[in-house]
Amino acid sequence: MLIKKMNNKRLRQKKLAWSKPADLVVLAELLAYHRRGTRRTTTFPASVWITATEKVNKVFPNRLLSIKQVKTRCNWLRFSWVGFTALVKEKGFHWDREAGTVIAEDSIWERYLEV
């Protein structure tokens, strides 16, 4: 019964729509901590996640985010960055700043997507 209630609750929750400004608020806080040179491991301490969450909630008070939501978004951004950088390093691909997308000839895309 408990599992069923949890699943129903998940179904009722709306998917959170992140914005570039919200991403920038969170990333600025994480970067500021990193630049202070006090980061001893590859992860951020709980206090940094709390501060980043508080800041984004202060800037965007119409939606209150949890620490878990902020961490999940940062993980998604990190994985997206890894995929993006791997793609633009492939022969024949490049970033078009004007179009805001990765560009390659159709034949290169076809070869890439076959793999």
PDB file of N, CA and C in Angstrom:
ATOM      1  N   MET A   1       0.820  -1.191   0.000  1.00  0.00           N
ATOM      2  CA  MET A   1       0.000   0.000   0.000  1.00  0.00           C
ATOM      3  C   MET A   1       0.868   1.261   0.000  1.00  0.00           C
ATOM      4  N   LEU A   2       1.951   1.248   0.774  1.00  0.00           N
ATOM      5  CA  LEU A   2       2.835   2.407   0.840  1.00  0.00           C
ATOM      6  C   LEU A   2       3.453   2.699  -0.522  1.00  0.00           C
ATOM      7  N   ILE A   3       3.884   1.663  -1.224  1.00  0.00           N
ATOM      8  CA  ILE A   3       4.491   1.850  -2.542  1.00  0.00           C
ATOM      9  C   ILE A   3       3.474   2.453  -3.506  1.00  0.00           C
ATOM     10  N   LYS A   4       2.250   1.970  -3.456  1.00  0.00           N
ATOM     11  CA  LYS A   4       1.213   2.495  -4.333  1.00  0.00           C
ATOM     12  C   LYS A   4       0.982   3.979  -4.070  1.00  0.00           C
ATOM     13  N   LYS A   5       0.950   4.380  -2.808  1.00  0.00           N
ATOM     14  CA  LYS A   5       0.766   5.791  -2.461  1.00  0.00           C
ATOM     15  C   LYS A   5       1.926   6.630  -2.973  1.00  0.00           C
ATOM     16  N   MET A   6       3.144   6.120  -2.834  1.00  0.00           N
ATOM     17  CA  MET A   6       4.308   6.866  -3.310  1.00  0.00           C
ATOM     18  C   MET A   6       4.245   7.020  -4.822  1.00  0.00           C
ATOM     19  N   ASN A   7       3.862   5.973  -5.539  1.00  0.00           N
ATOM     20  CA  ASN A   7       3.770   6.050  -6.993  1.00  0.00           C
ATOM     21  C   ASN A   7       2.705   7.047  -7.422  1.00  0.00           C
ATOM     22  N   ASN A   8       1.560   7.057  -6.722  1.00  0.00           N
ATOM     23  CA  ASN A   8       0.509   8.018  -7.028  1.00  0.00           C
ATOM     24  C   ASN A   8       0.987   9.442  -6.786  1.00  0.00           C
ATOM     25  N   LYS A   9       1.752   9.647  -5.732  1.00  0.00           N
ATOM     26  CA  LYS A   9       2.282  10.976  -5.424  1.00  0.00           C
ATOM     27  C   LYS A   9       3.226  11.432  -6.532  1.00  0.00           C
ATOM     28  N   ARG A  10       4.053  10.527  -7.021  1.00  0.00           N
ATOM     29  CA  ARG A  10       4.971  10.863  -8.110  1.00  0.00           C
ATOM     30  C   ARG A  10       4.214  11.257  -9.363  1.00  0.00           C
ATOM     31  N   LEU A  11       3.129  10.561  -9.646  1.00  0.00           N
ATOM     32  CA  LEU A  11       2.350  10.855 -10.835  1.00  0.00           C
ATOM     33  C   LEU A  11       1.722  12.240 -10.763  1.00  0.00           C
ATOM     34  N   ARG A  12       1.386  12.685  -9.564  1.00  0.00           N
ATOM     35  CA  ARG A  12       0.751  13.992  -9.399  1.00  0.00           C
ATOM     36  C   ARG A  12       1.754  15.141  -9.459  1.00  0.00           C
ATOM     37  N   GLN A  13       3.026  14.859  -9.214  1.00  0.00           N
ATOM     38  CA  GLN A  13       4.031  15.913  -9.222  1.00  0.00           C
ATOM     39  C   GLN A  13       4.294  16.385 -10.650  1.00  0.00           C
ATOM     40  N   LYS A  14       4.356  17.690 -10.805  1.00  0.00           N
ATOM     41  CA  LYS A  14       4.684  18.246 -12.112  1.00  0.00           C
ATOM     42  C   LYS A  14       6.189  18.180 -12.311  1.00  0.00           C
ATOM     43  N   LYS A  15       6.571  17.987 -13.563  1.00  0.00           N
ATOM     44  CA  LYS A  15       8.000  17.991 -13.883  1.00  0.00           C
ATOM     45  C   LYS A  15       8.515  19.421 -13.755  1.00  0.00           C
ATOM     46  N   LEU A  16       9.619  19.564 -13.068  1.00  0.00           N
ATOM     47  CA  LEU A  16      10.217  20.872 -12.846  1.00  0.00           C
ATOM     48  C   LEU A  16      10.867  21.376 -14.121  1.00  0.00           C
ATOM     49  N   ALA A  17      10.517  22.572 -14.515  1.00  0.00           N
ATOM     50  CA  ALA A  17      11.112  23.189 -15.702  1.00  0.00           C
ATOM     51  C   ALA A  17      12.251  24.099 -15.252  1.00  0.00           C
ATOM     52  N   TRP A  18      13.470  23.702 -15.569  1.00  0.00           N
ATOM     53  CA  TRP A  18      14.630  24.506 -15.224  1.00  0.00           C
ATOM     54  C   TRP A  18      14.837  25.579 -16.280  1.00  0.00           C
ATOM     55  N   SER A  19      15.408  26.677 -15.851  1.00  0.00           N
ATOM     56  CA  SER A  19      15.728  27.758 -16.778  1.00  0.00           C
ATOM     57  C   SER A  19      17.230  28.000 -16.745  1.00  0.00           C
ATOM     58  N   LYS A  20      17.722  28.627 -17.798  1.00  0.00           N
ATOM     59  CA  LYS A  20      19.144  28.954 -17.846  1.00  0.00           C
ATOM     60  C   LYS A  20      19.532  29.866 -16.680  1.00  0.00           C
ATOM     61  N   PRO A  21      18.724  30.901 -16.342  1.00  0.00           N
ATOM     62  CA  PRO A  21      19.086  31.730 -15.190  1.00  0.00           C
ATOM     63  C   PRO A  21      19.168  30.941 -13.879  1.00  0.00           C
ATOM     64  N   ALA A  22      18.277  29.977 -13.682  1.00  0.00           N
ATOM     65  CA  ALA A  22      18.337  29.162 -12.460  1.00  0.00           C
ATOM     66  C   ALA A  22      19.594  28.302 -12.459  1.00  0.00           C
ATOM     67  N   ASP A  23      19.932  27.733 -13.617  1.00  0.00           N
ATOM     68  CA  ASP A  23      21.171  26.961 -13.723  1.00  0.00           C
ATOM     69  C   ASP A  23      22.376  27.828 -13.365  1.00  0.00           C
ATOM     70  N   LEU A  24      22.392  29.047 -13.867  1.00  0.00           N
ATOM     71  CA  LEU A  24      23.527  29.937 -13.630  1.00  0.00           C
ATOM     72  C   LEU A  24      23.679  30.307 -12.160  1.00  0.00           C
ATOM     73  N   VAL A  25      22.578  30.479 -11.454  1.00  0.00           N
ATOM     74  CA  VAL A  25      22.641  30.795 -10.014  1.00  0.00           C
ATOM     75  C   VAL A  25      23.303  29.644  -9.265  1.00  0.00           C
ATOM     76  N   VAL A  26      22.861  28.429  -9.538  1.00  0.00           N
ATOM     77  CA  VAL A  26      23.420  27.258  -8.859  1.00  0.00           C
ATOM     78  C   VAL A  26      24.882  27.066  -9.236  1.00  0.00           C
ATOM     79  N   LEU A  27      25.170  27.121 -10.529  1.00  0.00           N
ATOM     80  CA  LEU A  27      26.545  26.898 -10.984  1.00  0.00           C
ATOM     81  C   LEU A  27      27.504  27.973 -10.474  1.00  0.00           C
ATOM     82  N   ALA A  28      27.021  29.202 -10.357  1.00  0.00           N
ATOM     83  CA  ALA A  28      27.873  30.278  -9.831  1.00  0.00           C
ATOM     84  C   ALA A  28      28.278  29.991  -8.389  1.00  0.00           C
ATOM     85  N   GLU A  29      27.360  29.463  -7.597  1.00  0.00           N
ATOM     86  CA  GLU A  29      27.687  29.139  -6.204  1.00  0.00           C
ATOM     87  C   GLU A  29      28.685  27.986  -6.125  1.00  0.00           C
ATOM     88  N   LEU A  30      28.485  26.962  -6.937  1.00  0.00           N
ATOM     89  CA  LEU A  30      29.419  25.832  -6.931  1.00  0.00           C
ATOM     90  C   LEU A  30      30.802  26.268  -7.419  1.00  0.00           C
ATOM     91  N   LEU A  31      30.835  27.104  -8.436  1.00  0.00           N
ATOM     92  CA  LEU A  31      32.101  27.601  -8.959  1.00  0.00           C
ATOM     93  C   LEU A  31      32.814  28.494  -7.942  1.00  0.00           C
ATOM     94  N   ALA A  32      32.053  29.321  -7.245  1.00  0.00           N
ATOM     95  CA  ALA A  32      32.656  30.186  -6.223  1.00  0.00           C
ATOM     96  C   ALA A  32      33.327  29.345  -5.141  1.00  0.00           C
ATOM     97  N   TYR A  33      32.677  28.288  -4.714  1.00  0.00           N
ATOM     98  CA  TYR A  33      33.270  27.407  -3.705  1.00  0.00           C
ATOM     99  C   TYR A  33      34.537  26.753  -4.262  1.00  0.00           C
ATOM    100  N   HIS A  34      34.463  26.282  -5.485  1.00  0.00           N
ATOM    101  CA  HIS A  34      35.622  25.639  -6.110  1.00  0.00           C
ATOM    102  C   HIS A  34      36.808  26.604  -6.213  1.00  0.00           C
ATOM    103  N   ARG A  35      36.525  27.844  -6.589  1.00  0.00           N
ATOM    104  CA  ARG A  35      37.601  28.832  -6.759  1.00  0.00           C
ATOM    105  C   ARG A  35      38.224  29.271  -5.440  1.00  0.00           C
ATOM    106  N   ARG A  36      37.522  29.096  -4.340  1.00  0.00           N
ATOM    107  CA  ARG A  36      38.104  29.431  -3.033  1.00  0.00           C
ATOM    108  C   ARG A  36      39.239  28.476  -2.682  1.00  0.00           C
ATOM    109  N   GLY A  37      39.298  27.338  -3.371  1.00  0.00           N
ATOM    110  CA  GLY A  37      40.388  26.398  -3.151  1.00  0.00           C
ATOM    111  C   GLY A  37      40.228  25.532  -1.920  1.00  0.00           C
ATOM    112  N   THR A  38      39.038  25.470  -1.385  1.00  0.00           N
ATOM    113  CA  THR A  38      38.823  24.669  -0.179  1.00  0.00           C
ATOM    114  C   THR A  38      38.199  23.311  -0.480  1.00  0.00           C
ATOM    115  N   ARG A  39      38.032  23.009  -1.740  1.00  0.00           N
ATOM    116  CA  ARG A  39      37.436  21.737  -2.130  1.00  0.00           C
ATOM    117  C   ARG A  39      38.489  20.646  -2.029  1.00  0.00           C
ATOM    118  N   ARG A  40      38.272  19.684  -1.160  1.00  0.00           N
ATOM    119  CA  ARG A  40      39.256  18.641  -0.890  1.00  0.00           C
ATOM    120  C   ARG A  40      38.966  17.325  -1.621  1.00  0.00           C
ATOM    121  N   THR A  41      37.737  17.161  -2.097  1.00  0.00           N
ATOM    122  CA  THR A  41      37.374  15.929  -2.787  1.00  0.00           C
ATOM    123  C   THR A  41      36.709  16.290  -4.110  1.00  0.00           C
ATOM    124  N   THR A  42      36.234  15.279  -4.812  1.00  0.00           N
ATOM    125  CA  THR A  42      35.566  15.530  -6.090  1.00  0.00           C
ATOM    126  C   THR A  42      34.088  15.875  -5.905  1.00  0.00           C
ATOM    127  N   THR A  43      33.614  15.854  -4.675  1.00  0.00           N
ATOM    128  CA  THR A  43      32.223  16.200  -4.404  1.00  0.00           C
ATOM    129  C   THR A  43      32.159  17.473  -3.579  1.00  0.00           C
ATOM    130  N   PHE A  44      31.008  18.096  -3.579  1.00  0.00           N
ATOM    131  CA  PHE A  44      30.799  19.291  -2.771  1.00  0.00           C
ATOM    132  C   PHE A  44      30.199  18.885  -1.432  1.00  0.00           C
ATOM    133  N   PRO A  45      30.596  19.564  -0.351  1.00  0.00           N
ATOM    134  CA  PRO A  45      30.007  19.247   0.959  1.00  0.00           C
ATOM    135  C   PRO A  45      28.544  19.688   1.023  1.00  0.00           C
ATOM    136  N   ALA A  46      27.831  19.128   1.972  1.00  0.00           N
ATOM    137  CA  ALA A  46      26.405  19.429   2.131  1.00  0.00           C
ATOM    138  C   ALA A  46      26.160  20.925   2.295  1.00  0.00           C
ATOM    139  N   SER A  47      27.045  21.619   2.989  1.00  0.00           N
ATOM    140  CA  SER A  47      26.856  23.056   3.223  1.00  0.00           C
ATOM    141  C   SER A  47      26.804  23.849   1.918  1.00  0.00           C
ATOM    142  N   VAL A  48      27.565  23.426   0.922  1.00  0.00           N
ATOM    143  CA  VAL A  48      27.573  24.112  -0.378  1.00  0.00           C
ATOM    144  C   VAL A  48      26.261  23.861  -1.113  1.00  0.00           C
ATOM    145  N   TRP A  49      25.777  22.627  -1.053  1.00  0.00           N
ATOM    146  CA  TRP A  49      24.495  22.312  -1.699  1.00  0.00           C
ATOM    147  C   TRP A  49      23.352  23.081  -1.024  1.00  0.00           C
ATOM    148  N   ILE A  50      23.420  23.201   0.286  1.00  0.00           N
ATOM    149  CA  ILE A  50      22.399  23.955   1.019  1.00  0.00           C
ATOM    150  C   ILE A  50      22.419  25.418   0.586  1.00  0.00           C
ATOM    151  N   THR A  51      23.610  26.002   0.531  1.00  0.00           N
ATOM    152  CA  THR A  51      23.743  27.405   0.127  1.00  0.00           C
ATOM    153  C   THR A  51      23.270  27.621  -1.308  1.00  0.00           C
ATOM    154  N   ALA A  52      23.662  26.736  -2.211  1.00  0.00           N
ATOM    155  CA  ALA A  52      23.244  26.859  -3.614  1.00  0.00           C
ATOM    156  C   ALA A  52      21.724  26.765  -3.734  1.00  0.00           C
ATOM    157  N   THR A  53      21.126  25.849  -2.983  1.00  0.00           N
ATOM    158  CA  THR A  53      19.669  25.686  -3.011  1.00  0.00           C
ATOM    159  C   THR A  53      18.978  26.914  -2.437  1.00  0.00           C
ATOM    160  N   GLU A  54      19.495  27.436  -1.352  1.00  0.00           N
ATOM    161  CA  GLU A  54      18.916  28.643  -0.754  1.00  0.00           C
ATOM    162  C   GLU A  54      18.998  29.827  -1.714  1.00  0.00           C
ATOM    163  N   LYS A  55      20.126  29.961  -2.399  1.00  0.00           N
ATOM    164  CA  LYS A  55      20.284  31.094  -3.324  1.00  0.00           C
ATOM    165  C   LYS A  55      19.320  31.013  -4.497  1.00  0.00           C
ATOM    166  N   VAL A  56      19.192  29.832  -5.099  1.00  0.00           N
ATOM    167  CA  VAL A  56      18.287  29.709  -6.236  1.00  0.00           C
ATOM    168  C   VAL A  56      16.837  29.901  -5.781  1.00  0.00           C
ATOM    169  N   ASN A  57      16.506  29.458  -4.584  1.00  0.00           N
ATOM    170  CA  ASN A  57      15.154  29.655  -4.066  1.00  0.00           C
ATOM    171  C   ASN A  57      14.883  31.125  -3.738  1.00  0.00           C
ATOM    172  N   LYS A  58      15.918  31.849  -3.345  1.00  0.00           N
ATOM    173  CA  LYS A  58      15.763  33.275  -3.069  1.00  0.00           C
ATOM    174  C   LYS A  58      15.553  34.067  -4.364  1.00  0.00           C
ATOM    175  N   VAL A  59      16.312  33.710  -5.398  1.00  0.00           N
ATOM    176  CA  VAL A  59      16.213  34.409  -6.683  1.00  0.00           C
ATOM    177  C   VAL A  59      14.902  34.061  -7.401  1.00  0.00           C
ATOM    178  N   PHE A  60      14.460  32.813  -7.255  1.00  0.00           N
ATOM    179  CA  PHE A  60      13.234  32.348  -7.909  1.00  0.00           C
ATOM    180  C   PHE A  60      12.261  31.823  -6.854  1.00  0.00           C
ATOM    181  N   PRO A  61      11.630  32.715  -6.098  1.00  0.00           N
ATOM    182  CA  PRO A  61      10.785  32.286  -4.969  1.00  0.00           C
ATOM    183  C   PRO A  61       9.469  31.623  -5.384  1.00  0.00           C
ATOM    184  N   ASN A  62       9.109  31.718  -6.644  1.00  0.00           N
ATOM    185  CA  ASN A  62       7.850  31.119  -7.092  1.00  0.00           C
ATOM    186  C   ASN A  62       7.910  29.594  -7.179  1.00  0.00           C
ATOM    187  N   ARG A  63       9.104  29.023  -7.064  1.00  0.00           N
ATOM    188  CA  ARG A  63       9.242  27.566  -7.024  1.00  0.00           C
ATOM    189  C   ARG A  63      10.353  27.215  -6.049  1.00  0.00           C
ATOM    190  N   LEU A  64      10.010  26.459  -5.057  1.00  0.00           N
ATOM    191  CA  LEU A  64      10.989  26.093  -4.049  1.00  0.00           C
ATOM    192  C   LEU A  64      11.591  24.733  -4.394  1.00  0.00           C
ATOM    193  N   LEU A  65      12.890  24.723  -4.543  1.00  0.00           N
ATOM    194  CA  LEU A  65      13.607  23.514  -4.924  1.00  0.00           C
ATOM    195  C   LEU A  65      14.188  22.830  -3.696  1.00  0.00           C
ATOM    196  N   SER A  66      14.303  21.525  -3.777  1.00  0.00           N
ATOM    197  CA  SER A  66      14.961  20.766  -2.720  1.00  0.00           C
ATOM    198  C   SER A  66      16.436  20.595  -3.095  1.00  0.00           C
ATOM    199  N   ILE A  67      17.215  20.222  -2.121  1.00  0.00           N
ATOM    200  CA  ILE A  67      18.635  19.964  -2.370  1.00  0.00           C
ATOM    201  C   ILE A  67      18.771  18.822  -3.381  1.00  0.00           C
ATOM    202  N   LYS A  68      17.928  17.815  -3.255  1.00  0.00           N
ATOM    203  CA  LYS A  68      17.974  16.685  -4.184  1.00  0.00           C
ATOM    204  C   LYS A  68      17.715  17.145  -5.620  1.00  0.00           C
ATOM    205  N   GLN A  69      16.767  18.042  -5.817  1.00  0.00           N
ATOM    206  CA  GLN A  69      16.482  18.551  -7.159  1.00  0.00           C
ATOM    207  C   GLN A  69      17.673  19.311  -7.727  1.00  0.00           C
ATOM    208  N   VAL A  70      18.333  20.094  -6.890  1.00  0.00           N
ATOM    209  CA  VAL A  70      19.496  20.859  -7.340  1.00  0.00           C
ATOM    210  C   VAL A  70      20.644  19.915  -7.699  1.00  0.00           C
ATOM    211  N   LYS A  71      20.882  18.910  -6.862  1.00  0.00           N
ATOM    212  CA  LYS A  71      21.938  17.943  -7.163  1.00  0.00           C
ATOM    213  C   LYS A  71      21.639  17.170  -8.446  1.00  0.00           C
ATOM    214  N   THR A  72      20.389  16.777  -8.614  1.00  0.00           N
ATOM    215  CA  THR A  72      19.995  16.040  -9.810  1.00  0.00           C
ATOM    216  C   THR A  72      20.216  16.883 -11.060  1.00  0.00           C
ATOM    217  N   ARG A  73      19.853  18.165 -10.975  1.00  0.00           N
ATOM    218  CA  ARG A  73      20.059  19.055 -12.123  1.00  0.00           C
ATOM    219  C   ARG A  73      21.546  19.202 -12.439  1.00  0.00           C
ATOM    220  N   CYS A  74      22.365  19.349 -11.418  1.00  0.00           N
ATOM    221  CA  CYS A  74      23.810  19.491 -11.640  1.00  0.00           C
ATOM    222  C   CYS A  74      24.394  18.224 -12.257  1.00  0.00           C
ATOM    223  N   ASN A  75      23.922  17.069 -11.829  1.00  0.00           N
ATOM    224  CA  ASN A  75      24.384  15.818 -12.437  1.00  0.00           C
ATOM    225  C   ASN A  75      23.972  15.746 -13.901  1.00  0.00           C
ATOM    226  N   TRP A  76      22.742  16.170 -14.209  1.00  0.00           N
ATOM    227  CA  TRP A  76      22.283  16.177 -15.595  1.00  0.00           C
ATOM    228  C   TRP A  76      23.147  17.123 -16.434  1.00  0.00           C
ATOM    229  N   LEU A  77      23.448  18.300 -15.900  1.00  0.00           N
ATOM    230  CA  LEU A  77      24.295  19.256 -16.620  1.00  0.00           C
ATOM    231  C   LEU A  77      25.695  18.679 -16.851  1.00  0.00           C
ATOM    232  N   ARG A  78      26.227  18.015 -15.840  1.00  0.00           N
ATOM    233  CA  ARG A  78      27.563  17.421 -15.962  1.00  0.00           C
ATOM    234  C   ARG A  78      27.587  16.351 -17.051  1.00  0.00           C
ATOM    235  N   PHE A  79      26.607  15.449 -17.041  1.00  0.00           N
ATOM    236  CA  PHE A  79      26.549  14.396 -18.060  1.00  0.00           C
ATOM    237  C   PHE A  79      26.330  14.979 -19.446  1.00  0.00           C
ATOM    238  N   SER A  80      25.533  16.026 -19.541  1.00  0.00           N
ATOM    239  CA  SER A  80      25.314  16.687 -20.834  1.00  0.00           C
ATOM    240  C   SER A  80      26.610  17.300 -21.338  1.00  0.00           C
ATOM    241  N   TRP A  81      27.372  17.918 -20.444  1.00  0.00           N
ATOM    242  CA  TRP A  81      28.647  18.527 -20.812  1.00  0.00           C
ATOM    243  C   TRP A  81      29.632  17.474 -21.306  1.00  0.00           C
ATOM    244  N   VAL A  82      29.689  16.346 -20.625  1.00  0.00           N
ATOM    245  CA  VAL A  82      30.591  15.266 -21.029  1.00  0.00           C
ATOM    246  C   VAL A  82      30.223  14.787 -22.436  1.00  0.00           C
ATOM    247  N   GLY A  83      28.941  14.610 -22.700  1.00  0.00           N
ATOM    248  CA  GLY A  83      28.496  14.189 -24.029  1.00  0.00           C
ATOM    249  C   GLY A  83      28.791  15.222 -25.092  1.00  0.00           C
ATOM    250  N   PHE A  84      28.560  16.484 -24.748  1.00  0.00           N
ATOM    251  CA  PHE A  84      28.816  17.568 -25.687  1.00  0.00           C
ATOM    252  C   PHE A  84      30.291  17.650 -26.047  1.00  0.00           C
ATOM    253  N   THR A  85      31.151  17.641 -25.052  1.00  0.00           N
ATOM    254  CA  THR A  85      32.590  17.768 -25.327  1.00  0.00           C
ATOM    255  C   THR A  85      33.117  16.571 -26.111  1.00  0.00           C
ATOM    256  N   ALA A  86      32.575  15.381 -25.840  1.00  0.00           N
ATOM    257  CA  ALA A  86      32.991  14.201 -26.600  1.00  0.00           C
ATOM    258  C   ALA A  86      32.570  14.346 -28.063  1.00  0.00           C
ATOM    259  N   LEU A  87      31.384  14.873 -28.283  1.00  0.00           N
ATOM    260  CA  LEU A  87      30.884  15.026 -29.653  1.00  0.00           C
ATOM    261  C   LEU A  87      31.711  16.031 -30.447  1.00  0.00           C
ATOM    262  N   VAL A  88      31.999  17.201 -29.870  1.00  0.00           N
ATOM    263  CA  VAL A  88      32.742  18.212 -30.632  1.00  0.00           C
ATOM    264  C   VAL A  88      34.211  17.837 -30.826  1.00  0.00           C
ATOM    265  N   LYS A  89      34.701  16.858 -30.080  1.00  0.00           N
ATOM    266  CA  LYS A  89      36.070  16.373 -30.299  1.00  0.00           C
ATOM    267  C   LYS A  89      36.155  15.381 -31.455  1.00  0.00           C
ATOM    268  N   GLU A  90      34.994  14.835 -31.847  1.00  0.00           N
ATOM    269  CA  GLU A  90      34.971  13.892 -32.967  1.00  0.00           C
ATOM    270  C   GLU A  90      35.319  14.617 -34.261  1.00  0.00           C
ATOM    271  N   LYS A  91      35.999  13.931 -35.153  1.00  0.00           N
ATOM    272  CA  LYS A  91      36.397  14.504 -36.440  1.00  0.00           C
ATOM    273  C   LYS A  91      35.152  14.875 -37.247  1.00  0.00           C
ATOM    274  N   GLY A  92      35.125  16.102 -37.734  1.00  0.00           N
ATOM    275  CA  GLY A  92      34.028  16.561 -38.583  1.00  0.00           C
ATOM    276  C   GLY A  92      32.935  17.322 -37.857  1.00  0.00           C
ATOM    277  N   PHE A  93      32.962  17.336 -36.534  1.00  0.00           N
ATOM    278  CA  PHE A  93      31.954  18.055 -35.754  1.00  0.00           C
ATOM    279  C   PHE A  93      32.534  19.376 -35.251  1.00  0.00           C
ATOM    280  N   HIS A  94      31.696  20.383 -35.162  1.00  0.00           N
ATOM    281  CA  HIS A  94      32.124  21.638 -34.544  1.00  0.00           C
ATOM    282  C   HIS A  94      30.907  22.367 -33.974  1.00  0.00           C
ATOM    283  N   TRP A  95      31.191  23.280 -33.076  1.00  0.00           N
ATOM    284  CA  TRP A  95      30.153  24.071 -32.423  1.00  0.00           C
ATOM    285  C   TRP A  95      29.918  25.341 -33.227  1.00  0.00           C
ATOM    286  N   ASP A  96      28.678  25.568 -33.605  1.00  0.00           N
ATOM    287  CA  ASP A  96      28.291  26.782 -34.314  1.00  0.00           C
ATOM    288  C   ASP A  96      27.669  27.732 -33.293  1.00  0.00           C
ATOM    289  N   ARG A  97      28.418  28.765 -32.904  1.00  0.00           N
ATOM    290  CA  ARG A  97      27.933  29.697 -31.875  1.00  0.00           C
ATOM    291  C   ARG A  97      26.679  30.434 -32.308  1.00  0.00           C
ATOM    292  N   GLU A  98      26.636  30.799 -33.573  1.00  0.00           N
ATOM    293  CA  GLU A  98      25.489  31.554 -34.071  1.00  0.00           C
ATOM    294  C   GLU A  98      24.204  30.727 -34.007  1.00  0.00           C
ATOM    295  N   ALA A  99      24.300  29.462 -34.431  1.00  0.00           N
ATOM    296  CA  ALA A  99      23.135  28.579 -34.430  1.00  0.00           C
ATOM    297  C   ALA A  99      22.889  27.967 -33.046  1.00  0.00           C
ATOM    298  N   GLY A 100      23.941  27.943 -32.220  1.00  0.00           N
ATOM    299  CA  GLY A 100      23.814  27.364 -30.888  1.00  0.00           C
ATOM    300  C   GLY A 100      23.655  25.852 -30.920  1.00  0.00           C
ATOM    301  N   THR A 101      24.361  25.194 -31.845  1.00  0.00           N
ATOM    302  CA  THR A 101      24.240  23.744 -31.985  1.00  0.00           C
ATOM    303  C   THR A 101      25.519  23.147 -32.562  1.00  0.00           C
ATOM    304  N   VAL A 102      25.628  21.841 -32.444  1.00  0.00           N
ATOM    305  CA  VAL A 102      26.752  21.125 -33.044  1.00  0.00           C
ATOM    306  C   VAL A 102      26.431  20.901 -34.515  1.00  0.00           C
ATOM    307  N   ILE A 103      27.410  21.168 -35.366  1.00  0.00           N
ATOM    308  CA  ILE A 103      27.232  21.079 -36.814  1.00  0.00           C
ATOM    309  C   ILE A 103      28.159  20.002 -37.380  1.00  0.00           C
ATOM    310  N   ALA A 104      27.618  19.258 -38.341  1.00  0.00           N
ATOM    311  CA  ALA A 104      28.418  18.295 -39.108  1.00  0.00           C
ATOM    312  C   ALA A 104      27.655  17.987 -40.392  1.00  0.00           C
ATOM    313  N   GLU A 105      28.373  17.498 -41.391  1.00  0.00           N
ATOM    314  CA  GLU A 105      27.723  17.099 -42.634  1.00  0.00           C
ATOM    315  C   GLU A 105      26.854  15.862 -42.364  1.00  0.00           C
ATOM    316  N   ASP A 106      25.845  15.662 -43.192  1.00  0.00           N
ATOM    317  CA  ASP A 106      24.923  14.534 -43.011  1.00  0.00           C
ATOM    318  C   ASP A 106      25.647  13.194 -42.994  1.00  0.00           C
ATOM    319  N   SER A 107      26.637  13.041 -43.856  1.00  0.00           N
ATOM    320  CA  SER A 107      27.363  11.763 -43.921  1.00  0.00           C
ATOM    321  C   SER A 107      28.108  11.488 -42.602  1.00  0.00           C
ATOM    322  N   ILE A 108      28.619  12.531 -41.979  1.00  0.00           N
ATOM    323  CA  ILE A 108      29.327  12.370 -40.703  1.00  0.00           C
ATOM    324  C   ILE A 108      28.339  11.982 -39.607  1.00  0.00           C
ATOM    325  N   TRP A 109      27.177  12.640 -39.583  1.00  0.00           N
ATOM    326  CA  TRP A 109      26.136  12.287 -38.613  1.00  0.00           C
ATOM    327  C   TRP A 109      25.716  10.834 -38.796  1.00  0.00           C
ATOM    328  N   GLU A 110      25.537  10.408 -40.033  1.00  0.00           N
ATOM    329  CA  GLU A 110      25.110   9.023 -40.303  1.00  0.00           C
ATOM    330  C   GLU A 110      26.144   8.028 -39.797  1.00  0.00           C
ATOM    331  N   ARG A 111      27.418   8.286 -40.053  1.00  0.00           N
ATOM    332  CA  ARG A 111      28.478   7.399 -39.540  1.00  0.00           C
ATOM    333  C   ARG A 111      28.501   7.379 -38.027  1.00  0.00           C
ATOM    334  N   TYR A 112      28.345   8.547 -37.424  1.00  0.00           N
ATOM    335  CA  TYR A 112      28.381   8.652 -35.961  1.00  0.00           C
ATOM    336  C   TYR A 112      27.219   7.888 -35.332  1.00  0.00           C
ATOM    337  N   LEU A 113      26.038   8.011 -35.906  1.00  0.00           N
ATOM    338  CA  LEU A 113      24.856   7.384 -35.346  1.00  0.00           C
ATOM    339  C   LEU A 113      24.823   5.865 -35.576  1.00  0.00           C
ATOM    340  N   GLU A 114      25.600   5.367 -36.533  1.00  0.00           N
ATOM    341  CA  GLU A 114      25.699   3.929 -36.756  1.00  0.00           C
ATOM    342  C   GLU A 114      26.404   3.234 -35.606  1.00  0.00           C
ATOM    343  N   VAL A 115      27.355   3.893 -35.020  1.00  0.00           N
ATOM    344  CA  VAL A 115      28.174   3.307 -33.948  1.00  0.00           C
ATOM    345  C   VAL A 115      27.400   3.199 -32.704  1.00  0.00           C
TER     346      VAL A 115
END
